[in-house]
Amino acid sequence: MDNTQKVLDAMKKAGKALKAGEIAEIAGIDKKDVDKAMNVLKKDGKIVSPKVCYWQPK
């Protein structure tokens, strides 16, 4: 499973908007890898930001 899918799964599992550091903890990957994966997910329109610095699946 690639980091992008791990990030998306972690967000869905949490069931609430999360910061990148929280996603990194849940997914068990480095924060900089989370940031890279989130950039891909943002471009694809799979995640949204309900408030500054917090992200959740669309």
PDB file of N, CA and C in Angstrom:
ATOM      1  N   MET A   1       0.850  -1.185   0.000  1.00  0.00           N
ATOM      2  CA  MET A   1       0.000   0.000   0.000  1.00  0.00           C
ATOM      3  C   MET A   1       0.896   1.248   0.000  1.00  0.00           C
ATOM      4  N   ASP A   2       0.585   2.189  -0.872  1.00  0.00           N
ATOM      5  CA  ASP A   2       1.403   3.405  -0.927  1.00  0.00           C
ATOM      6  C   ASP A   2       0.980   4.410   0.147  1.00  0.00           C
ATOM      7  N   ASN A   3       1.823   5.404   0.367  1.00  0.00           N
ATOM      8  CA  ASN A   3       1.568   6.385   1.428  1.00  0.00           C
ATOM      9  C   ASN A   3       0.285   7.169   1.207  1.00  0.00           C
ATOM     10  N   THR A   4      -0.048   7.431  -0.049  1.00  0.00           N
ATOM     11  CA  THR A   4      -1.271   8.178  -0.343  1.00  0.00           C
ATOM     12  C   THR A   4      -2.490   7.421   0.192  1.00  0.00           C
ATOM     13  N   GLN A   5      -2.527   6.122  -0.047  1.00  0.00           N
ATOM     14  CA  GLN A   5      -3.652   5.311   0.432  1.00  0.00           C
ATOM     15  C   GLN A   5      -3.629   5.210   1.958  1.00  0.00           C
ATOM     16  N   LYS A   6      -2.438   5.116   2.552  1.00  0.00           N
ATOM     17  CA  LYS A   6      -2.329   5.051   4.011  1.00  0.00           C
ATOM     18  C   LYS A   6      -2.876   6.325   4.652  1.00  0.00           C
ATOM     19  N   VAL A   7      -2.557   7.472   4.047  1.00  0.00           N
ATOM     20  CA  VAL A   7      -3.042   8.756   4.565  1.00  0.00           C
ATOM     21  C   VAL A   7      -4.558   8.821   4.467  1.00  0.00           C
ATOM     22  N   LEU A   8      -5.100   8.450   3.330  1.00  0.00           N
ATOM     23  CA  LEU A   8      -6.553   8.480   3.132  1.00  0.00           C
ATOM     24  C   LEU A   8      -7.253   7.520   4.106  1.00  0.00           C
ATOM     25  N   ASP A   9      -6.695   6.332   4.287  1.00  0.00           N
ATOM     26  CA  ASP A   9      -7.271   5.365   5.228  1.00  0.00           C
ATOM     27  C   ASP A   9      -7.242   5.892   6.657  1.00  0.00           C
ATOM     28  N   ALA A  10      -6.136   6.532   7.042  1.00  0.00           N
ATOM     29  CA  ALA A  10      -6.010   7.088   8.396  1.00  0.00           C
ATOM     30  C   ALA A  10      -7.065   8.167   8.632  1.00  0.00           C
ATOM     31  N   MET A  11      -7.311   9.000   7.622  1.00  0.00           N
ATOM     32  CA  MET A  11      -8.317  10.059   7.744  1.00  0.00           C
ATOM     33  C   MET A  11      -9.712   9.462   7.895  1.00  0.00           C
ATOM     34  N   LYS A  12     -10.004   8.450   7.090  1.00  0.00           N
ATOM     35  CA  LYS A  12     -11.326   7.810   7.160  1.00  0.00           C
ATOM     36  C   LYS A  12     -11.508   7.112   8.500  1.00  0.00           C
ATOM     37  N   LYS A  13     -10.463   6.469   8.990  1.00  0.00           N
ATOM     38  CA  LYS A  13     -10.518   5.754  10.267  1.00  0.00           C
ATOM     39  C   LYS A  13     -10.808   6.709  11.424  1.00  0.00           C
ATOM     40  N   ALA A  14     -10.188   7.892  11.386  1.00  0.00           N
ATOM     41  CA  ALA A  14     -10.358   8.866  12.464  1.00  0.00           C
ATOM     42  C   ALA A  14     -11.778   9.426  12.500  1.00  0.00           C
ATOM     43  N   GLY A  15     -12.370   9.611  11.329  1.00  0.00           N
ATOM     44  CA  GLY A  15     -13.735  10.114  11.269  1.00  0.00           C
ATOM     45  C   GLY A  15     -13.874  11.588  11.622  1.00  0.00           C
ATOM     46  N   LYS A  16     -12.776  12.316  11.609  1.00  0.00           N
ATOM     47  CA  LYS A  16     -12.805  13.760  11.876  1.00  0.00           C
ATOM     48  C   LYS A  16     -11.632  14.414  11.157  1.00  0.00           C
ATOM     49  N   ALA A  17     -11.653  15.729  11.083  1.00  0.00           N
ATOM     50  CA  ALA A  17     -10.566  16.456  10.442  1.00  0.00           C
ATOM     51  C   ALA A  17      -9.305  16.364  11.310  1.00  0.00           C
ATOM     52  N   LEU A  18      -8.166  16.156  10.649  1.00  0.00           N
ATOM     53  CA  LEU A  18      -6.897  15.968  11.353  1.00  0.00           C
ATOM     54  C   LEU A  18      -5.801  16.871  10.807  1.00  0.00           C
ATOM     55  N   LYS A  19      -4.798  17.130  11.643  1.00  0.00           N
ATOM     56  CA  LYS A  19      -3.593  17.818  11.196  1.00  0.00           C
ATOM     57  C   LYS A  19      -2.628  16.779  10.642  1.00  0.00           C
ATOM     58  N   ALA A  20      -1.665  17.222   9.854  1.00  0.00           N
ATOM     59  CA  ALA A  20      -0.709  16.302   9.226  1.00  0.00           C
ATOM     60  C   ALA A  20       0.042  15.466  10.259  1.00  0.00           C
ATOM     61  N   GLY A  21       0.416  16.057  11.385  1.00  0.00           N
ATOM     62  CA  GLY A  21       1.129  15.320  12.432  1.00  0.00           C
ATOM     63  C   GLY A  21       0.299  14.197  13.014  1.00  0.00           C
ATOM     64  N   GLU A  22      -0.995  14.452  13.171  1.00  0.00           N
ATOM     65  CA  GLU A  22      -1.902  13.421  13.693  1.00  0.00           C
ATOM     66  C   GLU A  22      -2.060  12.284  12.685  1.00  0.00           C
ATOM     67  N   ILE A  23      -2.134  12.647  11.419  1.00  0.00           N
ATOM     68  CA  ILE A  23      -2.245  11.640  10.363  1.00  0.00           C
ATOM     69  C   ILE A  23      -0.989  10.772  10.337  1.00  0.00           C
ATOM     70  N   ALA A  24       0.173  11.402  10.496  1.00  0.00           N
ATOM     71  CA  ALA A  24       1.434  10.669  10.505  1.00  0.00           C
ATOM     72  C   ALA A  24       1.457   9.636  11.634  1.00  0.00           C
ATOM     73  N   GLU A  25       0.980  10.025  12.805  1.00  0.00           N
ATOM     74  CA  GLU A  25       0.928   9.102  13.948  1.00  0.00           C
ATOM     75  C   GLU A  25       0.014   7.917  13.666  1.00  0.00           C
ATOM     76  N   ILE A  26      -1.175   8.189  13.167  1.00  0.00           N
ATOM     77  CA  ILE A  26      -2.152   7.129  12.905  1.00  0.00           C
ATOM     78  C   ILE A  26      -1.658   6.196  11.797  1.00  0.00           C
ATOM     79  N   ALA A  27      -1.118   6.784  10.734  1.00  0.00           N
ATOM     80  CA  ALA A  27      -0.683   5.987   9.573  1.00  0.00           C
ATOM     81  C   ALA A  27       0.652   5.298   9.813  1.00  0.00           C
ATOM     82  N   GLY A  28       1.423   5.793  10.783  1.00  0.00           N
ATOM     83  CA  GLY A  28       2.720   5.197  11.068  1.00  0.00           C
ATOM     84  C   GLY A  28       3.778   5.525  10.032  1.00  0.00           C
ATOM     85  N   ILE A  29       3.665   6.712   9.428  1.00  0.00           N
ATOM     86  CA  ILE A  29       4.667   7.150   8.456  1.00  0.00           C
ATOM     87  C   ILE A  29       5.174   8.537   8.832  1.00  0.00           C
ATOM     88  N   ASP A  30       6.276   8.934   8.228  1.00  0.00           N
ATOM     89  CA  ASP A  30       6.905  10.222   8.526  1.00  0.00           C
ATOM     90  C   ASP A  30       6.037  11.384   8.052  1.00  0.00           C
ATOM     91  N   LYS A  31       6.078  12.498   8.790  1.00  0.00           N
ATOM     92  CA  LYS A  31       5.238  13.657   8.464  1.00  0.00           C
ATOM     93  C   LYS A  31       5.534  14.198   7.070  1.00  0.00           C
ATOM     94  N   LYS A  32       6.799  14.198   6.659  1.00  0.00           N
ATOM     95  CA  LYS A  32       7.098  14.736   5.321  1.00  0.00           C
ATOM     96  C   LYS A  32       6.508  13.851   4.222  1.00  0.00           C
ATOM     97  N   ASP A  33       6.395  12.538   4.497  1.00  0.00           N
ATOM     98  CA  ASP A  33       5.733  11.651   3.536  1.00  0.00           C
ATOM     99  C   ASP A  33       4.230  11.904   3.518  1.00  0.00           C
ATOM    100  N   VAL A  34       3.677  12.248   4.690  1.00  0.00           N
ATOM    101  CA  VAL A  34       2.257  12.611   4.769  1.00  0.00           C
ATOM    102  C   VAL A  34       2.005  13.872   3.941  1.00  0.00           C
ATOM    103  N   ASP A  35       2.887  14.859   4.080  1.00  0.00           N
ATOM    104  CA  ASP A  35       2.735  16.110   3.322  1.00  0.00           C
ATOM    105  C   ASP A  35       2.745  15.850   1.814  1.00  0.00           C
ATOM    106  N   LYS A  36       3.643  15.001   1.356  1.00  0.00           N
ATOM    107  CA  LYS A  36       3.716  14.665  -0.073  1.00  0.00           C
ATOM    108  C   LYS A  36       2.426  13.975  -0.522  1.00  0.00           C
ATOM    109  N   ALA A  37       1.973  13.014   0.270  1.00  0.00           N
ATOM    110  CA  ALA A  37       0.748  12.283  -0.076  1.00  0.00           C
ATOM    111  C   ALA A  37      -0.454  13.224  -0.091  1.00  0.00           C
ATOM    112  N   MET A  38      -0.500  14.144   0.868  1.00  0.00           N
ATOM    113  CA  MET A  38      -1.619  15.087   0.933  1.00  0.00           C
ATOM    114  C   MET A  38      -1.637  16.010  -0.279  1.00  0.00           C
ATOM    115  N   ASN A  39      -0.477  16.393  -0.784  1.00  0.00           N
ATOM    116  CA  ASN A  39      -0.434  17.221  -1.995  1.00  0.00           C
ATOM    117  C   ASN A  39      -1.078  16.490  -3.167  1.00  0.00           C
ATOM    118  N   VAL A  40      -0.804  15.200  -3.292  1.00  0.00           N
ATOM    119  CA  VAL A  40      -1.411  14.395  -4.354  1.00  0.00           C
ATOM    120  C   VAL A  40      -2.927  14.317  -4.150  1.00  0.00           C
ATOM    121  N   LEU A  41      -3.340  14.059  -2.916  1.00  0.00           N
ATOM    122  CA  LEU A  41      -4.769  13.946  -2.612  1.00  0.00           C
ATOM    123  C   LEU A  41      -5.501  15.271  -2.844  1.00  0.00           C
ATOM    124  N   LYS A  42      -4.839  16.386  -2.529  1.00  0.00           N
ATOM    125  CA  LYS A  42      -5.454  17.704  -2.776  1.00  0.00           C
ATOM    126  C   LYS A  42      -5.656  17.918  -4.270  1.00  0.00           C
ATOM    127  N   LYS A  43      -4.631  17.607  -5.068  1.00  0.00           N
ATOM    128  CA  LYS A  43      -4.729  17.779  -6.525  1.00  0.00           C
ATOM    129  C   LYS A  43      -5.848  16.927  -7.107  1.00  0.00           C
ATOM    130  N   ASP A  44      -6.003  15.711  -6.569  1.00  0.00           N
ATOM    131  CA  ASP A  44      -7.029  14.797  -7.053  1.00  0.00           C
ATOM    132  C   ASP A  44      -8.420  15.116  -6.518  1.00  0.00           C
ATOM    133  N   GLY A  45      -8.499  16.075  -5.578  1.00  0.00           N
ATOM    134  CA  GLY A  45      -9.788  16.461  -5.009  1.00  0.00           C
ATOM    135  C   GLY A  45     -10.363  15.444  -4.043  1.00  0.00           C
ATOM    136  N   LYS A  46      -9.500  14.617  -3.440  1.00  0.00           N
ATOM    137  CA  LYS A  46      -9.977  13.569  -2.531  1.00  0.00           C
ATOM    138  C   LYS A  46     -10.038  14.015  -1.077  1.00  0.00           C
ATOM    139  N   ILE A  47      -9.386  15.142  -0.750  1.00  0.00           N
ATOM    140  CA  ILE A  47      -9.449  15.663   0.614  1.00  0.00           C
ATOM    141  C   ILE A  47      -9.792  17.149   0.580  1.00  0.00           C
ATOM    142  N   VAL A  48     -10.391  17.622   1.664  1.00  0.00           N
ATOM    143  CA  VAL A  48     -10.766  19.032   1.788  1.00  0.00           C
ATOM    144  C   VAL A  48     -10.338  19.536   3.167  1.00  0.00           C
ATOM    145  N   SER A  49     -10.237  20.848   3.278  1.00  0.00           N
ATOM    146  CA  SER A  49      -9.848  21.465   4.538  1.00  0.00           C
ATOM    147  C   SER A  49     -11.017  22.257   5.107  1.00  0.00           C
ATOM    148  N   PRO A  50     -11.666  21.722   6.172  1.00  0.00           N
ATOM    149  CA  PRO A  50     -12.798  22.436   6.762  1.00  0.00           C
ATOM    150  C   PRO A  50     -12.355  23.653   7.572  1.00  0.00           C
ATOM    151  N   LYS A  51     -11.114  23.653   8.054  1.00  0.00           N
ATOM    152  CA  LYS A  51     -10.532  24.804   8.739  1.00  0.00           C
ATOM    153  C   LYS A  51      -9.021  24.750   8.573  1.00  0.00           C
ATOM    154  N   VAL A  52      -8.360  25.829   8.814  1.00  0.00           N
ATOM    155  CA  VAL A  52      -6.927  25.958   8.558  1.00  0.00           C
ATOM    156  C   VAL A  52      -6.137  24.826   9.220  1.00  0.00           C
ATOM    157  N   CYS A  53      -5.276  24.202   8.429  1.00  0.00           N
ATOM    158  CA  CYS A  53      -4.352  23.134   8.877  1.00  0.00           C
ATOM    159  C   CYS A  53      -5.038  21.812   9.219  1.00  0.00           C
ATOM    160  N   TYR A  54      -6.317  21.679   9.010  1.00  0.00           N
ATOM    161  CA  TYR A  54      -7.012  20.417   9.263  1.00  0.00           C
ATOM    162  C   TYR A  54      -7.541  19.876   7.936  1.00  0.00           C
ATOM    163  N   TRP A  55      -7.470  18.553   7.779  1.00  0.00           N
ATOM    164  CA  TRP A  55      -7.887  17.926   6.537  1.00  0.00           C
ATOM    165  C   TRP A  55      -8.780  16.726   6.806  1.00  0.00           C
ATOM    166  N   GLN A  56      -9.664  16.445   5.854  1.00  0.00           N
ATOM    167  CA  GLN A  56     -10.551  15.292   5.960  1.00  0.00           C
ATOM    168  C   GLN A  56     -10.885  14.813   4.557  1.00  0.00           C
ATOM    169  N   PRO A  57     -11.320  13.554   4.439  1.00  0.00           N
ATOM    170  CA  PRO A  57     -11.720  13.053   3.102  1.00  0.00           C
ATOM    171  C   PRO A  57     -12.935  13.820   2.591  1.00  0.00           C
ATOM    172  N   LYS A  58     -13.011  13.960   1.289  1.00  0.00           N
ATOM    173  CA  LYS A  58     -14.126  14.682   0.671  1.00  0.00           C
ATOM    174  C   LYS A  58     -15.374  13.851   0.706  1.00  0.00           C
TER     175      LYS A  58
END
